[in-house]
Amino acid sequence: MTVHGEITSPPEIDPGLAAAALAVFAHRHEVVHLLYAAVDEPDALARIGDLLHVDEATIGRVLDQPLRWLLPQFRTELETIAADPAPVTTG
């Protein structure tokens, strides 16, 4: 959440979210076009998910993040996180 420009609770970034953010960045022109072409949010998420082969829930999480993620220093951090193997969960 952002309050007066300050991030009060930064999101937890997992490898899947980081990889999806990098995919959105790599296809940013197409993503913006799809956002404008969509009739509503579910349509936009479906269109972008189809383009990037990423599930709609993850696309929604990426779009909820601040644009500062697209700055070079944050892209490097996203690349590092995306390269980490996903944690193994049992249960």
N, C-alpha and C. Protein backbone atom coordinates (compact mmCIF):
# COMPACT_ATOMS: atom_id res chain seq x y z
N MET A 1 0.84 -1.16 0.00
CA MET A 1 0.00 0.00 0.00
C MET A 1 0.89 1.24 0.00
N THR A 2 0.47 2.29 -0.71
CA THR A 2 1.22 3.53 -0.75
C THR A 2 0.40 4.62 -0.05
N VAL A 3 1.02 5.28 0.91
CA VAL A 3 0.37 6.38 1.62
C VAL A 3 1.27 7.59 1.49
N HIS A 4 0.77 8.63 0.84
CA HIS A 4 1.53 9.86 0.62
C HIS A 4 2.88 9.58 -0.03
N GLY A 5 2.88 8.66 -1.00
CA GLY A 5 4.10 8.37 -1.73
C GLY A 5 5.05 7.41 -1.03
N GLU A 6 4.73 6.99 0.17
CA GLU A 6 5.59 6.06 0.91
C GLU A 6 4.97 4.68 0.89
N ILE A 7 5.77 3.67 0.60
CA ILE A 7 5.28 2.30 0.63
C ILE A 7 5.24 1.84 2.07
N THR A 8 4.04 1.49 2.54
CA THR A 8 3.89 1.10 3.94
C THR A 8 3.99 -0.41 4.12
N SER A 9 3.64 -1.16 3.11
CA SER A 9 3.76 -2.61 3.20
C SER A 9 4.17 -3.15 1.83
N PRO A 10 5.47 -3.22 1.57
CA PRO A 10 5.91 -3.67 0.25
C PRO A 10 5.49 -5.11 -0.01
N PRO A 11 5.18 -5.42 -1.26
CA PRO A 11 4.73 -6.78 -1.56
C PRO A 11 5.86 -7.79 -1.43
N GLU A 12 5.49 -9.01 -1.12
CA GLU A 12 6.47 -10.09 -1.12
C GLU A 12 6.63 -10.54 -2.56
N ILE A 13 7.86 -10.54 -3.03
CA ILE A 13 8.12 -10.87 -4.43
C ILE A 13 8.64 -12.30 -4.50
N ASP A 14 7.86 -13.16 -5.14
CA ASP A 14 8.28 -14.54 -5.34
C ASP A 14 8.82 -14.69 -6.76
N PRO A 15 9.51 -15.78 -7.06
CA PRO A 15 10.09 -15.95 -8.40
C PRO A 15 9.06 -15.86 -9.53
N GLY A 16 7.87 -16.39 -9.32
CA GLY A 16 6.83 -16.33 -10.35
C GLY A 16 6.37 -14.91 -10.64
N LEU A 17 6.19 -14.14 -9.58
CA LEU A 17 5.77 -12.74 -9.74
C LEU A 17 6.88 -11.94 -10.42
N ALA A 18 8.12 -12.18 -10.02
CA ALA A 18 9.25 -11.48 -10.63
C ALA A 18 9.35 -11.81 -12.11
N ALA A 19 9.20 -13.08 -12.46
CA ALA A 19 9.28 -13.48 -13.87
C ALA A 19 8.14 -12.86 -14.67
N ALA A 20 6.95 -12.83 -14.10
CA ALA A 20 5.80 -12.23 -14.79
C ALA A 20 6.01 -10.72 -14.97
N ALA A 21 6.57 -10.06 -13.96
CA ALA A 21 6.85 -8.62 -14.08
C ALA A 21 7.85 -8.36 -15.20
N LEU A 22 8.86 -9.21 -15.31
CA LEU A 22 9.84 -9.06 -16.39
C LEU A 22 9.19 -9.30 -17.76
N ALA A 23 8.26 -10.25 -17.83
CA ALA A 23 7.56 -10.52 -19.09
C ALA A 23 6.69 -9.32 -19.48
N VAL A 24 6.01 -8.74 -18.49
CA VAL A 24 5.20 -7.54 -18.77
C VAL A 24 6.10 -6.42 -19.25
N PHE A 25 7.24 -6.25 -18.63
CA PHE A 25 8.18 -5.21 -19.07
C PHE A 25 8.64 -5.47 -20.50
N ALA A 26 9.00 -6.70 -20.79
CA ALA A 26 9.51 -7.04 -22.13
C ALA A 26 8.46 -6.81 -23.21
N HIS A 27 7.20 -6.93 -22.85
CA HIS A 27 6.11 -6.76 -23.81
C HIS A 27 5.24 -5.55 -23.46
N ARG A 28 5.85 -4.54 -22.86
CA ARG A 28 5.09 -3.40 -22.33
C ARG A 28 4.24 -2.71 -23.38
N HIS A 29 4.72 -2.59 -24.61
CA HIS A 29 3.94 -1.91 -25.65
C HIS A 29 2.67 -2.70 -25.98
N GLU A 30 2.81 -4.01 -26.10
CA GLU A 30 1.65 -4.86 -26.37
C GLU A 30 0.69 -4.86 -25.18
N VAL A 31 1.26 -4.87 -23.97
CA VAL A 31 0.43 -4.89 -22.76
C VAL A 31 -0.41 -3.62 -22.68
N VAL A 32 0.19 -2.47 -22.94
CA VAL A 32 -0.57 -1.21 -22.91
C VAL A 32 -1.66 -1.23 -23.97
N HIS A 33 -1.34 -1.73 -25.16
CA HIS A 33 -2.34 -1.83 -26.22
C HIS A 33 -3.51 -2.71 -25.77
N LEU A 34 -3.21 -3.84 -25.15
CA LEU A 34 -4.26 -4.74 -24.69
C LEU A 34 -5.09 -4.11 -23.57
N LEU A 35 -4.45 -3.32 -22.71
CA LEU A 35 -5.20 -2.62 -21.66
C LEU A 35 -6.21 -1.65 -22.26
N TYR A 36 -5.80 -0.93 -23.29
CA TYR A 36 -6.71 0.02 -23.95
C TYR A 36 -7.79 -0.71 -24.74
N ALA A 37 -7.50 -1.87 -25.30
CA ALA A 37 -8.45 -2.60 -26.14
C ALA A 37 -9.48 -3.38 -25.33
N ALA A 38 -9.17 -3.65 -24.07
CA ALA A 38 -10.05 -4.48 -23.25
C ALA A 38 -11.34 -3.75 -22.90
N VAL A 39 -12.40 -4.52 -22.71
CA VAL A 39 -13.68 -3.93 -22.32
C VAL A 39 -13.81 -3.77 -20.80
N ASP A 40 -13.06 -4.58 -20.05
CA ASP A 40 -13.06 -4.47 -18.60
C ASP A 40 -11.81 -5.17 -18.06
N GLU A 41 -11.65 -5.15 -16.74
CA GLU A 41 -10.44 -5.72 -16.14
C GLU A 41 -10.28 -7.22 -16.41
N PRO A 42 -11.33 -8.03 -16.24
CA PRO A 42 -11.15 -9.45 -16.54
C PRO A 42 -10.74 -9.70 -18.00
N ASP A 43 -11.29 -8.92 -18.92
CA ASP A 43 -10.91 -9.04 -20.32
C ASP A 43 -9.44 -8.69 -20.51
N ALA A 44 -8.99 -7.62 -19.86
CA ALA A 44 -7.59 -7.21 -19.96
C ALA A 44 -6.66 -8.28 -19.41
N LEU A 45 -7.01 -8.83 -18.25
CA LEU A 45 -6.17 -9.87 -17.65
C LEU A 45 -6.12 -11.10 -18.53
N ALA A 46 -7.24 -11.46 -19.14
CA ALA A 46 -7.27 -12.63 -20.02
C ALA A 46 -6.42 -12.39 -21.26
N ARG A 47 -6.54 -11.20 -21.86
CA ARG A 47 -5.78 -10.89 -23.07
C ARG A 47 -4.27 -10.90 -22.79
N ILE A 48 -3.88 -10.25 -21.68
CA ILE A 48 -2.46 -10.18 -21.34
C ILE A 48 -1.94 -11.57 -20.96
N GLY A 49 -2.74 -12.31 -20.20
CA GLY A 49 -2.35 -13.68 -19.84
C GLY A 49 -2.14 -14.56 -21.05
N ASP A 50 -3.02 -14.41 -22.05
CA ASP A 50 -2.88 -15.19 -23.28
C ASP A 50 -1.60 -14.80 -24.02
N LEU A 51 -1.32 -13.52 -24.08
CA LEU A 51 -0.11 -13.05 -24.76
C LEU A 51 1.15 -13.59 -24.10
N LEU A 52 1.19 -13.50 -22.78
CA LEU A 52 2.41 -13.84 -22.04
C LEU A 52 2.45 -15.28 -21.54
N HIS A 53 1.36 -16.00 -21.69
CA HIS A 53 1.26 -17.38 -21.17
C HIS A 53 1.48 -17.40 -19.66
N VAL A 54 0.80 -16.47 -18.99
CA VAL A 54 0.86 -16.34 -17.53
C VAL A 54 -0.58 -16.30 -17.04
N ASP A 55 -0.83 -16.91 -15.88
CA ASP A 55 -2.21 -16.95 -15.37
C ASP A 55 -2.70 -15.55 -15.02
N GLU A 56 -4.01 -15.37 -15.10
CA GLU A 56 -4.62 -14.06 -14.91
C GLU A 56 -4.40 -13.50 -13.51
N ALA A 57 -4.39 -14.37 -12.49
CA ALA A 57 -4.17 -13.89 -11.12
C ALA A 57 -2.79 -13.26 -10.98
N THR A 58 -1.78 -13.87 -11.60
CA THR A 58 -0.42 -13.32 -11.53
C THR A 58 -0.34 -12.01 -12.29
N ILE A 59 -0.98 -11.94 -13.45
CA ILE A 59 -1.01 -10.68 -14.21
C ILE A 59 -1.64 -9.58 -13.36
N GLY A 60 -2.72 -9.92 -12.67
CA GLY A 60 -3.37 -8.94 -11.78
C GLY A 60 -2.42 -8.45 -10.70
N ARG A 61 -1.63 -9.38 -10.13
CA ARG A 61 -0.65 -9.00 -9.10
C ARG A 61 0.42 -8.07 -9.67
N VAL A 62 0.87 -8.37 -10.90
CA VAL A 62 1.89 -7.52 -11.53
C VAL A 62 1.33 -6.12 -11.75
N LEU A 63 0.10 -6.03 -12.27
CA LEU A 63 -0.48 -4.73 -12.56
C LEU A 63 -0.77 -3.92 -11.30
N ASP A 64 -0.86 -4.59 -10.17
CA ASP A 64 -1.08 -3.89 -8.90
C ASP A 64 0.20 -3.24 -8.36
N GLN A 65 1.34 -3.58 -8.94
CA GLN A 65 2.62 -3.08 -8.43
C GLN A 65 2.93 -1.69 -8.99
N PRO A 66 3.76 -0.93 -8.27
CA PRO A 66 4.13 0.40 -8.74
C PRO A 66 5.02 0.33 -9.99
N LEU A 67 4.92 1.34 -10.82
CA LEU A 67 5.71 1.39 -12.04
C LEU A 67 7.21 1.47 -11.78
N ARG A 68 7.62 1.80 -10.58
CA ARG A 68 9.06 1.88 -10.29
C ARG A 68 9.73 0.53 -10.47
N TRP A 69 8.97 -0.55 -10.50
CA TRP A 69 9.54 -1.87 -10.78
C TRP A 69 10.21 -1.90 -12.14
N LEU A 70 9.83 -0.99 -13.03
CA LEU A 70 10.39 -0.98 -14.38
C LEU A 70 11.71 -0.23 -14.47
N LEU A 71 12.15 0.40 -13.39
CA LEU A 71 13.44 1.08 -13.39
C LEU A 71 14.57 0.05 -13.44
N PRO A 72 15.69 0.41 -14.06
CA PRO A 72 16.79 -0.56 -14.25
C PRO A 72 17.23 -1.25 -12.97
N GLN A 73 17.39 -0.54 -11.88
CA GLN A 73 17.88 -1.18 -10.66
C GLN A 73 16.90 -2.21 -10.12
N PHE A 74 15.62 -1.99 -10.32
CA PHE A 74 14.64 -2.96 -9.85
C PHE A 74 14.52 -4.15 -10.81
N ARG A 75 14.71 -3.91 -12.10
CA ARG A 75 14.68 -5.01 -13.06
C ARG A 75 15.79 -6.01 -12.75
N THR A 76 16.96 -5.52 -12.37
CA THR A 76 18.07 -6.41 -12.00
C THR A 76 17.68 -7.26 -10.81
N GLU A 77 17.05 -6.64 -9.83
CA GLU A 77 16.61 -7.39 -8.65
C GLU A 77 15.54 -8.42 -9.03
N LEU A 78 14.61 -8.04 -9.91
CA LEU A 78 13.57 -8.97 -10.36
C LEU A 78 14.19 -10.16 -11.09
N GLU A 79 15.22 -9.89 -11.91
CA GLU A 79 15.90 -10.98 -12.63
C GLU A 79 16.54 -11.96 -11.65
N THR A 80 17.12 -11.42 -10.59
CA THR A 80 17.75 -12.28 -9.57
C THR A 80 16.70 -13.12 -8.87
N ILE A 81 15.60 -12.51 -8.48
CA ILE A 81 14.53 -13.24 -7.79
C ILE A 81 13.91 -14.28 -8.71
N ALA A 82 13.68 -13.90 -9.98
CA ALA A 82 13.06 -14.82 -10.93
C ALA A 82 13.93 -16.05 -11.17
N ALA A 83 15.24 -15.89 -11.05
CA ALA A 83 16.17 -17.00 -11.28
C ALA A 83 16.22 -17.97 -10.10
N ASP A 84 15.75 -17.54 -8.93
CA ASP A 84 15.75 -18.42 -7.76
C ASP A 84 14.75 -19.54 -7.98
N PRO A 85 15.11 -20.75 -7.56
CA PRO A 85 14.13 -21.84 -7.68
C PRO A 85 12.96 -21.60 -6.73
N ALA A 86 11.80 -22.02 -7.16
CA ALA A 86 10.61 -21.88 -6.30
C ALA A 86 10.78 -22.73 -5.06
N PRO A 87 10.34 -22.25 -3.91
CA PRO A 87 10.46 -23.06 -2.70
C PRO A 87 9.62 -24.32 -2.82
N VAL A 88 10.14 -25.40 -2.29
CA VAL A 88 9.43 -26.67 -2.32
C VAL A 88 8.52 -26.72 -1.12
N THR A 89 7.23 -26.97 -1.38
CA THR A 89 6.28 -27.07 -0.28
C THR A 89 5.71 -28.47 -0.28
N THR A 90 5.46 -28.96 0.90
CA THR A 90 4.87 -30.29 1.04
C THR A 90 3.57 -30.14 1.79
N GLY A 91 2.67 -30.99 1.50
CA GLY A 91 1.44 -30.91 2.27
C GLY A 91 0.27 -31.36 1.59
